[in-house]
Amino acid sequence: MAISAVEKRVWEALAKIIDPELDVGIVDLGLIYEVEVDAAGECLIKVSPTTPRCPLSSFLQNNIEKTASQVGGVSHARVQLVWYPVWTIARMSD
């Protein structure tokens, strides 16, 4: 399924967010599972932390929502934590 232009811009914006513990972008880490933007501009971002008790989970969640909300065409952004499939190092981009 093709992504919309708004979804593409959200992905690009999220790629600039760096995980402060690992000093790697959250998109490159594979933490972002899915980005959906509906016709009203409501954006849902499915995210998996690296561990269930990630100490920076709320920091990253707030940063993701703030960053996505600033993308043109997005009226509101919300993060949904995803636990399946479990994040592994194999999700990292090359």
PDB file of N, CA and C in Angstrom:
ATOM      1  N   MET A   1       0.847  -1.182   0.000  1.00  0.00           N
ATOM      2  CA  MET A   1       0.000   0.000   0.000  1.00  0.00           C
ATOM      3  C   MET A   1       0.892   1.244   0.000  1.00  0.00           C
ATOM      4  N   ALA A   2       0.582   2.162  -0.872  1.00  0.00           N
ATOM      5  CA  ALA A   2       1.368   3.398  -0.991  1.00  0.00           C
ATOM      6  C   ALA A   2       1.037   4.348   0.169  1.00  0.00           C
ATOM      7  N   ILE A   3       2.052   5.104   0.564  1.00  0.00           N
ATOM      8  CA  ILE A   3       1.818   6.078   1.619  1.00  0.00           C
ATOM      9  C   ILE A   3       1.508   7.430   0.985  1.00  0.00           C
ATOM     10  N   SER A   4       0.732   8.228   1.719  1.00  0.00           N
ATOM     11  CA  SER A   4       0.359   9.546   1.219  1.00  0.00           C
ATOM     12  C   SER A   4       1.532  10.509   1.368  1.00  0.00           C
ATOM     13  N   ALA A   5       1.412  11.653   0.719  1.00  0.00           N
ATOM     14  CA  ALA A   5       2.459  12.678   0.809  1.00  0.00           C
ATOM     15  C   ALA A   5       2.615  13.156   2.252  1.00  0.00           C
ATOM     16  N   VAL A   6       1.505  13.278   2.971  1.00  0.00           N
ATOM     17  CA  VAL A   6       1.577  13.723   4.377  1.00  0.00           C
ATOM     18  C   VAL A   6       2.293  12.665   5.212  1.00  0.00           C
ATOM     19  N   GLU A   7       1.946  11.402   5.003  1.00  0.00           N
ATOM     20  CA  GLU A   7       2.609  10.329   5.746  1.00  0.00           C
ATOM     21  C   GLU A   7       4.106  10.309   5.445  1.00  0.00           C
ATOM     22  N   LYS A   8       4.467  10.538   4.212  1.00  0.00           N
ATOM     23  CA  LYS A   8       5.889  10.590   3.841  1.00  0.00           C
ATOM     24  C   LYS A   8       6.596  11.716   4.588  1.00  0.00           C
ATOM     25  N   ARG A   9       5.951  12.887   4.678  1.00  0.00           N
ATOM     26  CA  ARG A   9       6.551  14.011   5.404  1.00  0.00           C
ATOM     27  C   ARG A   9       6.675  13.705   6.899  1.00  0.00           C
ATOM     28  N   VAL A  10       5.710  12.976   7.447  1.00  0.00           N
ATOM     29  CA  VAL A  10       5.798  12.583   8.859  1.00  0.00           C
ATOM     30  C   VAL A  10       6.999  11.659   9.055  1.00  0.00           C
ATOM     31  N   TRP A  11       7.157  10.665   8.183  1.00  0.00           N
ATOM     32  CA  TRP A  11       8.310   9.753   8.263  1.00  0.00           C
ATOM     33  C   TRP A  11       9.620  10.541   8.203  1.00  0.00           C
ATOM     34  N   GLU A  12       9.683  11.503   7.293  1.00  0.00           N
ATOM     35  CA  GLU A  12      10.903  12.313   7.153  1.00  0.00           C
ATOM     36  C   GLU A  12      11.178  13.129   8.409  1.00  0.00           C
ATOM     37  N   ALA A  13      10.138  13.686   9.006  1.00  0.00           N
ATOM     38  CA  ALA A  13      10.306  14.466  10.235  1.00  0.00           C
ATOM     39  C   ALA A  13      10.746  13.568  11.386  1.00  0.00           C
ATOM     40  N   LEU A  14      10.137  12.389  11.485  1.00  0.00           N
ATOM     41  CA  LEU A  14      10.486  11.464  12.572  1.00  0.00           C
ATOM     42  C   LEU A  14      11.917  10.955  12.431  1.00  0.00           C
ATOM     43  N   ALA A  15      12.411  10.887  11.209  1.00  0.00           N
ATOM     44  CA  ALA A  15      13.785  10.411  10.974  1.00  0.00           C
ATOM     45  C   ALA A  15      14.819  11.326  11.617  1.00  0.00           C
ATOM     46  N   LYS A  16      14.436  12.544  11.924  1.00  0.00           N
ATOM     47  CA  LYS A  16      15.362  13.501  12.539  1.00  0.00           C
ATOM     48  C   LYS A  16      15.420  13.378  14.062  1.00  0.00           C
ATOM     49  N   ILE A  17      14.531  12.577  14.646  1.00  0.00           N
ATOM     50  CA  ILE A  17      14.532  12.385  16.100  1.00  0.00           C
ATOM     51  C   ILE A  17      15.588  11.338  16.456  1.00  0.00           C
ATOM     52  N   ILE A  18      16.476  11.709  17.349  1.00  0.00           N
ATOM     53  CA  ILE A  18      17.572  10.826  17.768  1.00  0.00           C
ATOM     54  C   ILE A  18      17.259  10.231  19.135  1.00  0.00           C
ATOM     55  N   ASP A  19      17.431   8.915  19.255  1.00  0.00           N
ATOM     56  CA  ASP A  19      17.304   8.259  20.552  1.00  0.00           C
ATOM     57  C   ASP A  19      18.500   8.696  21.390  1.00  0.00           C
ATOM     58  N   PRO A  20      18.268   9.409  22.503  1.00  0.00           N
ATOM     59  CA  PRO A  20      19.394   9.956  23.274  1.00  0.00           C
ATOM     60  C   PRO A  20      20.283   8.900  23.930  1.00  0.00           C
ATOM     61  N   GLU A  21      19.757   7.720  24.169  1.00  0.00           N
ATOM     62  CA  GLU A  21      20.577   6.666  24.774  1.00  0.00           C
ATOM     63  C   GLU A  21      21.503   6.014  23.751  1.00  0.00           C
ATOM     64  N   LEU A  22      20.997   5.813  22.545  1.00  0.00           N
ATOM     65  CA  LEU A  22      21.753   5.078  21.533  1.00  0.00           C
ATOM     66  C   LEU A  22      22.390   5.980  20.481  1.00  0.00           C
ATOM     67  N   ASP A  23      22.009   7.259  20.458  1.00  0.00           N
ATOM     68  CA  ASP A  23      22.526   8.243  19.506  1.00  0.00           C
ATOM     69  C   ASP A  23      22.301   7.803  18.054  1.00  0.00           C
ATOM     70  N   VAL A  24      21.133   7.219  17.814  1.00  0.00           N
ATOM     71  CA  VAL A  24      20.725   6.768  16.487  1.00  0.00           C
ATOM     72  C   VAL A  24      19.289   7.247  16.283  1.00  0.00           C
ATOM     73  N   GLY A  25      18.938   7.588  15.049  1.00  0.00           N
ATOM     74  CA  GLY A  25      17.583   8.021  14.748  1.00  0.00           C
ATOM     75  C   GLY A  25      16.561   6.924  15.021  1.00  0.00           C
ATOM     76  N   ILE A  26      15.386   7.331  15.488  1.00  0.00           N
ATOM     77  CA  ILE A  26      14.361   6.346  15.842  1.00  0.00           C
ATOM     78  C   ILE A  26      13.810   5.604  14.627  1.00  0.00           C
ATOM     79  N   VAL A  27      13.831   6.241  13.459  1.00  0.00           N
ATOM     80  CA  VAL A  27      13.405   5.542  12.241  1.00  0.00           C
ATOM     81  C   VAL A  27      14.464   4.514  11.857  1.00  0.00           C
ATOM     82  N   ASP A  28      15.734   4.898  11.908  1.00  0.00           N
ATOM     83  CA  ASP A  28      16.817   3.957  11.598  1.00  0.00           C
ATOM     84  C   ASP A  28      16.855   2.791  12.580  1.00  0.00           C
ATOM     85  N   LEU A  29      16.450   3.053  13.818  1.00  0.00           N
ATOM     86  CA  LEU A  29      16.394   1.983  14.816  1.00  0.00           C
ATOM     87  C   LEU A  29      15.253   1.004  14.555  1.00  0.00           C
ATOM     88  N   GLY A  30      14.291   1.431  13.763  1.00  0.00           N
ATOM     89  CA  GLY A  30      13.130   0.573  13.499  1.00  0.00           C
ATOM     90  C   GLY A  30      12.075   0.669  14.577  1.00  0.00           C
ATOM     91  N   LEU A  31      12.093   1.753  15.355  1.00  0.00           N
ATOM     92  CA  LEU A  31      11.114   1.910  16.438  1.00  0.00           C
ATOM     93  C   LEU A  31       9.739   2.315  15.920  1.00  0.00           C
ATOM     94  N   ILE A  32       9.697   2.947  14.740  1.00  0.00           N
ATOM     95  CA  ILE A  32       8.433   3.363  14.154  1.00  0.00           C
ATOM     96  C   ILE A  32       7.917   2.216  13.289  1.00  0.00           C
ATOM     97  N   TYR A  33       6.775   1.665  13.663  1.00  0.00           N
ATOM     98  CA  TYR A  33       6.209   0.538  12.939  1.00  0.00           C
ATOM     99  C   TYR A  33       5.271   0.993  11.827  1.00  0.00           C
ATOM    100  N   GLU A  34       4.537   2.077  12.069  1.00  0.00           N
ATOM    101  CA  GLU A  34       3.535   2.492  11.088  1.00  0.00           C
ATOM    102  C   GLU A  34       3.156   3.949  11.327  1.00  0.00           C
ATOM    103  N   VAL A  35       2.835   4.642  10.248  1.00  0.00           N
ATOM    104  CA  VAL A  35       2.326   6.009  10.304  1.00  0.00           C
ATOM    105  C   VAL A  35       1.067   6.051   9.449  1.00  0.00           C
ATOM    106  N   GLU A  36      -0.027   6.496  10.047  1.00  0.00           N
ATOM    107  CA  GLU A  36      -1.287   6.633   9.320  1.00  0.00           C
ATOM    108  C   GLU A  36      -1.817   8.042   9.536  1.00  0.00           C
ATOM    109  N   VAL A  37      -2.221   8.694   8.450  1.00  0.00           N
ATOM    110  CA  VAL A  37      -2.845  10.015   8.547  1.00  0.00           C
ATOM    111  C   VAL A  37      -4.161   9.945   7.784  1.00  0.00           C
ATOM    112  N   ASP A  38      -5.265  10.260   8.465  1.00  0.00           N
ATOM    113  CA  ASP A  38      -6.564  10.205   7.788  1.00  0.00           C
ATOM    114  C   ASP A  38      -6.879  11.532   7.101  1.00  0.00           C
ATOM    115  N   ALA A  39      -8.026  11.599   6.465  1.00  0.00           N
ATOM    116  CA  ALA A  39      -8.416  12.780   5.686  1.00  0.00           C
ATOM    117  C   ALA A  39      -8.557  14.030   6.548  1.00  0.00           C
ATOM    118  N   ALA A  40      -8.832  13.858   7.835  1.00  0.00           N
ATOM    119  CA  ALA A  40      -8.972  14.998   8.750  1.00  0.00           C
ATOM    120  C   ALA A  40      -7.627  15.450   9.316  1.00  0.00           C
ATOM    121  N   GLY A  41      -6.558  14.743   8.975  1.00  0.00           N
ATOM    122  CA  GLY A  41      -5.236  15.103   9.476  1.00  0.00           C
ATOM    123  C   GLY A  41      -4.882  14.465  10.800  1.00  0.00           C
ATOM    124  N   GLU A  42      -5.709  13.518  11.254  1.00  0.00           N
ATOM    125  CA  GLU A  42      -5.399  12.783  12.486  1.00  0.00           C
ATOM    126  C   GLU A  42      -4.299  11.771  12.172  1.00  0.00           C
ATOM    127  N   CYS A  43      -3.218  11.853  12.915  1.00  0.00           N
ATOM    128  CA  CYS A  43      -2.046  11.016  12.663  1.00  0.00           C
ATOM    129  C   CYS A  43      -1.864  10.023  13.799  1.00  0.00           C
ATOM    130  N   LEU A  44      -1.783   8.749  13.459  1.00  0.00           N
ATOM    131  CA  LEU A  44      -1.513   7.684  14.417  1.00  0.00           C
ATOM    132  C   LEU A  44      -0.164   7.093  14.070  1.00  0.00           C
ATOM    133  N   ILE A  45       0.723   7.070  15.064  1.00  0.00           N
ATOM    134  CA  ILE A  45       2.075   6.547  14.871  1.00  0.00           C
ATOM    135  C   ILE A  45       2.251   5.357  15.805  1.00  0.00           C
ATOM    136  N   LYS A  46       2.497   4.197  15.230  1.00  0.00           N
ATOM    137  CA  LYS A  46       2.707   2.989  16.024  1.00  0.00           C
ATOM    138  C   LYS A  46       4.200   2.837  16.281  1.00  0.00           C
ATOM    139  N   VAL A  47       4.542   2.752  17.568  1.00  0.00           N
ATOM    140  CA  VAL A  47       5.928   2.778  18.014  1.00  0.00           C
ATOM    141  C   VAL A  47       6.176   1.637  18.989  1.00  0.00           C
ATOM    142  N   SER A  48       7.343   1.047  18.893  1.00  0.00           N
ATOM    143  CA  SER A  48       7.767   0.062  19.878  1.00  0.00           C
ATOM    144  C   SER A  48       9.045   0.545  20.539  1.00  0.00           C
ATOM    145  N   PRO A  49       9.055   0.618  21.864  1.00  0.00           N
ATOM    146  CA  PRO A  49      10.312   0.941  22.541  1.00  0.00           C
ATOM    147  C   PRO A  49      11.275  -0.242  22.438  1.00  0.00           C
ATOM    148  N   THR A  50      12.551   0.019  22.676  1.00  0.00           N
ATOM    149  CA  THR A  50      13.538  -1.061  22.585  1.00  0.00           C
ATOM    150  C   THR A  50      13.346  -2.093  23.683  1.00  0.00           C
ATOM    151  N   THR A  51      12.839  -1.660  24.829  1.00  0.00           N
ATOM    152  CA  THR A  51      12.562  -2.572  25.940  1.00  0.00           C
ATOM    153  C   THR A  51      11.241  -2.166  26.591  1.00  0.00           C
ATOM    154  N   PRO A  52      10.539  -3.102  27.226  1.00  0.00           N
ATOM    155  CA  PRO A  52       9.266  -2.759  27.863  1.00  0.00           C
ATOM    156  C   PRO A  52       9.387  -1.674  28.942  1.00  0.00           C
ATOM    157  N   ARG A  53      10.516  -1.579  29.579  1.00  0.00           N
ATOM    158  CA  ARG A  53      10.695  -0.585  30.650  1.00  0.00           C
ATOM    159  C   ARG A  53      11.668   0.512  30.241  1.00  0.00           C
ATOM    160  N   CYS A  54      11.603   0.890  28.989  1.00  0.00           N
ATOM    161  CA  CYS A  54      12.488   1.928  28.465  1.00  0.00           C
ATOM    162  C   CYS A  54      12.316   3.208  29.283  1.00  0.00           C
ATOM    163  N   PRO A  55      13.383   3.712  29.905  1.00  0.00           N
ATOM    164  CA  PRO A  55      13.258   4.895  30.756  1.00  0.00           C
ATOM    165  C   PRO A  55      12.941   6.167  29.975  1.00  0.00           C
ATOM    166  N   LEU A  56      13.159   6.156  28.674  1.00  0.00           N
ATOM    167  CA  LEU A  56      12.908   7.345  27.857  1.00  0.00           C
ATOM    168  C   LEU A  56      11.629   7.235  27.046  1.00  0.00           C
ATOM    169  N   SER A  57      10.800   6.248  27.334  1.00  0.00           N
ATOM    170  CA  SER A  57       9.597   6.010  26.559  1.00  0.00           C
ATOM    171  C   SER A  57       8.684   7.235  26.493  1.00  0.00           C
ATOM    172  N   SER A  58       8.400   7.845  27.623  1.00  0.00           N
ATOM    173  CA  SER A  58       7.498   9.014  27.616  1.00  0.00           C
ATOM    174  C   SER A  58       8.163  10.218  26.954  1.00  0.00           C
ATOM    175  N   PHE A  59       9.473  10.374  27.122  1.00  0.00           N
ATOM    176  CA  PHE A  59      10.208  11.456  26.450  1.00  0.00           C
ATOM    177  C   PHE A  59      10.097  11.301  24.941  1.00  0.00           C
ATOM    178  N   LEU A  60      10.355  10.094  24.447  1.00  0.00           N
ATOM    179  CA  LEU A  60      10.279   9.843  23.014  1.00  0.00           C
ATOM    180  C   LEU A  60       8.851   9.998  22.501  1.00  0.00           C
ATOM    181  N   GLN A  61       7.882   9.496  23.249  1.00  0.00           N
ATOM    182  CA  GLN A  61       6.478   9.618  22.851  1.00  0.00           C
ATOM    183  C   GLN A  61       6.090  11.084  22.681  1.00  0.00           C
ATOM    184  N   ASN A  62       6.431  11.918  23.647  1.00  0.00           N
ATOM    185  CA  ASN A  62       6.120  13.345  23.564  1.00  0.00           C
ATOM    186  C   ASN A  62       6.825  13.999  22.381  1.00  0.00           C
ATOM    187  N   ASN A  63       8.079  13.646  22.164  1.00  0.00           N
ATOM    188  CA  ASN A  63       8.849  14.207  21.065  1.00  0.00           C
ATOM    189  C   ASN A  63       8.269  13.785  19.711  1.00  0.00           C
ATOM    190  N   ILE A  64       7.856  12.538  19.598  1.00  0.00           N
ATOM    191  CA  ILE A  64       7.251  12.029  18.361  1.00  0.00           C
ATOM    192  C   ILE A  64       5.949  12.764  18.070  1.00  0.00           C
ATOM    193  N   GLU A  65       5.089  12.888  19.080  1.00  0.00           N
ATOM    194  CA  GLU A  65       3.811  13.573  18.884  1.00  0.00           C
ATOM    195  C   GLU A  65       4.013  15.036  18.509  1.00  0.00           C
ATOM    196  N   LYS A  66       4.932  15.705  19.188  1.00  0.00           N
ATOM    197  CA  LYS A  66       5.208  17.115  18.899  1.00  0.00           C
ATOM    198  C   LYS A  66       5.748  17.283  17.481  1.00  0.00           C
ATOM    199  N   THR A  67       6.698  16.452  17.104  1.00  0.00           N
ATOM    200  CA  THR A  67       7.307  16.538  15.781  1.00  0.00           C
ATOM    201  C   THR A  67       6.279  16.274  14.685  1.00  0.00           C
ATOM    202  N   ALA A  68       5.488  15.224  14.829  1.00  0.00           N
ATOM    203  CA  ALA A  68       4.490  14.890  13.808  1.00  0.00           C
ATOM    204  C   ALA A  68       3.417  15.970  13.713  1.00  0.00           C
ATOM    205  N   SER A  69       3.053  16.568  14.832  1.00  0.00           N
ATOM    206  CA  SER A  69       2.018  17.614  14.843  1.00  0.00           C
ATOM    207  C   SER A  69       2.441  18.849  14.063  1.00  0.00           C
ATOM    208  N   GLN A  70       3.732  19.047  13.900  1.00  0.00           N
ATOM    209  CA  GLN A  70       4.249  20.219  13.197  1.00  0.00           C
ATOM    210  C   GLN A  70       4.330  20.017  11.683  1.00  0.00           C
ATOM    211  N   VAL A  71       4.021  18.822  11.218  1.00  0.00           N
ATOM    212  CA  VAL A  71       4.061  18.529   9.785  1.00  0.00           C
ATOM    213  C   VAL A  71       2.795  19.074   9.133  1.00  0.00           C
ATOM    214  N   GLY A  72       2.955  19.747   8.010  1.00  0.00           N
ATOM    215  CA  GLY A  72       1.808  20.264   7.279  1.00  0.00           C
ATOM    216  C   GLY A  72       0.856  19.154   6.887  1.00  0.00           C
ATOM    217  N   GLY A  73      -0.420  19.353   7.148  1.00  0.00           N
ATOM    218  CA  GLY A  73      -1.426  18.342   6.847  1.00  0.00           C
ATOM    219  C   GLY A  73      -1.795  17.486   8.041  1.00  0.00           C
ATOM    220  N   VAL A  74      -1.067  17.638   9.150  1.00  0.00           N
ATOM    221  CA  VAL A  74      -1.372  16.899  10.376  1.00  0.00           C
ATOM    222  C   VAL A  74      -2.046  17.855  11.354  1.00  0.00           C
ATOM    223  N   SER A  75      -3.250  17.498  11.785  1.00  0.00           N
ATOM    224  CA  SER A  75      -3.973  18.332  12.743  1.00  0.00           C
ATOM    225  C   SER A  75      -3.708  17.889  14.183  1.00  0.00           C
ATOM    226  N   HIS A  76      -3.467  16.613  14.364  1.00  0.00           N
ATOM    227  CA  HIS A  76      -3.218  16.052  15.698  1.00  0.00           C
ATOM    228  C   HIS A  76      -2.449  14.751  15.526  1.00  0.00           C
ATOM    229  N   ALA A  77      -1.485  14.510  16.397  1.00  0.00           N
ATOM    230  CA  ALA A  77      -0.708  13.270  16.336  1.00  0.00           C
ATOM    231  C   ALA A  77      -0.817  12.524  17.653  1.00  0.00           C
ATOM    232  N   ARG A  78      -0.880  11.214  17.546  1.00  0.00           N
ATOM    233  CA  ARG A  78      -0.979  10.359  18.729  1.00  0.00           C
ATOM    234  C   ARG A  78      -0.086   9.140  18.528  1.00  0.00           C
ATOM    235  N   VAL A  79       0.607   8.775  19.592  1.00  0.00           N
ATOM    236  CA  VAL A  79       1.466   7.588  19.568  1.00  0.00           C
ATOM    237  C   VAL A  79       0.730   6.427  20.212  1.00  0.00           C
ATOM    238  N   GLN A  80       0.802   5.285  19.557  1.00  0.00           N
ATOM    239  CA  GLN A  80       0.285   4.039  20.119  1.00  0.00           C
ATOM    240  C   GLN A  80       1.472   3.113  20.319  1.00  0.00           C
ATOM    241  N   LEU A  81       1.704   2.687  21.554  1.00  0.00           N
ATOM    242  CA  LEU A  81       2.789   1.741  21.814  1.00  0.00           C
ATOM    243  C   LEU A  81       2.395   0.364  21.315  1.00  0.00           C
ATOM    244  N   VAL A  82       3.316  -0.284  20.629  1.00  0.00           N
ATOM    245  CA  VAL A  82       3.090  -1.590  20.028  1.00  0.00           C
ATOM    246  C   VAL A  82       4.065  -2.568  20.668  1.00  0.00           C
ATOM    247  N   TRP A  83       3.556  -3.695  21.077  1.00  0.00           N
ATOM    248  CA  TRP A  83       4.413  -4.697  21.728  1.00  0.00           C
ATOM    249  C   TRP A  83       4.615  -5.937  20.871  1.00  0.00           C
ATOM    250  N   TYR A  84       3.908  -6.003  19.737  1.00  0.00           N
ATOM    251  CA  TYR A  84       4.063  -7.141  18.830  1.00  0.00           C
ATOM    252  C   TYR A  84       4.059  -6.635  17.409  1.00  0.00           C
ATOM    253  N   PRO A  85       4.965  -7.011  16.559  1.00  0.00           N
ATOM    254  CA  PRO A  85       6.093  -7.858  16.926  1.00  0.00           C
ATOM    255  C   PRO A  85       7.081  -7.116  17.822  1.00  0.00           C
ATOM    256  N   VAL A  86       7.707  -7.852  18.689  1.00  0.00           N
ATOM    257  CA  VAL A  86       8.673  -7.295  19.626  1.00  0.00           C
ATOM    258  C   VAL A  86       9.839  -6.694  18.858  1.00  0.00           C
ATOM    259  N   TRP A  87      10.277  -5.516  19.299  1.00  0.00           N
ATOM    260  CA  TRP A  87      11.421  -4.883  18.653  1.00  0.00           C
ATOM    261  C   TRP A  87      12.676  -5.710  18.900  1.00  0.00           C
ATOM    262  N   THR A  88      13.462  -5.888  17.846  1.00  0.00           N
ATOM    263  CA  THR A  88      14.772  -6.522  17.959  1.00  0.00           C
ATOM    264  C   THR A  88      15.751  -5.712  17.114  1.00  0.00           C
ATOM    265  N   ILE A  89      16.999  -5.966  17.308  1.00  0.00           N
ATOM    266  CA  ILE A  89      18.046  -5.259  16.553  1.00  0.00           C
ATOM    267  C   ILE A  89      17.899  -5.498  15.048  1.00  0.00           C
ATOM    268  N   ALA A  90      17.241  -6.573  14.659  1.00  0.00           N
ATOM    269  CA  ALA A  90      17.036  -6.882  13.244  1.00  0.00           C
ATOM    270  C   ALA A  90      16.161  -5.839  12.548  1.00  0.00           C
ATOM    271  N   ARG A  91      15.404  -5.028  13.318  1.00  0.00           N
ATOM    272  CA  ARG A  91      14.554  -3.991  12.733  1.00  0.00           C
ATOM    273  C   ARG A  91      15.356  -2.763  12.321  1.00  0.00           C
ATOM    274  N   MET A  92      16.614  -2.666  12.745  1.00  0.00           N
ATOM    275  CA  MET A  92      17.441  -1.513  12.399  1.00  0.00           C
ATOM    276  C   MET A  92      17.753  -1.524  10.911  1.00  0.00           C
ATOM    277  N   SER A  93      17.792  -0.323  10.315  1.00  0.00           N
ATOM    278  CA  SER A  93      18.163  -0.238   8.903  1.00  0.00           C
ATOM    279  C   SER A  93      19.674  -0.378   8.771  1.00  0.00           C
ATOM    280  N   ASP A  94      20.085  -0.754   7.588  1.00  0.00           N
ATOM    281  CA  ASP A  94      21.527  -0.974   7.346  1.00  0.00           C
ATOM    282  C   ASP A  94      22.304   0.303   7.321  1.00  0.00           C
TER     283      ASP A  94
END
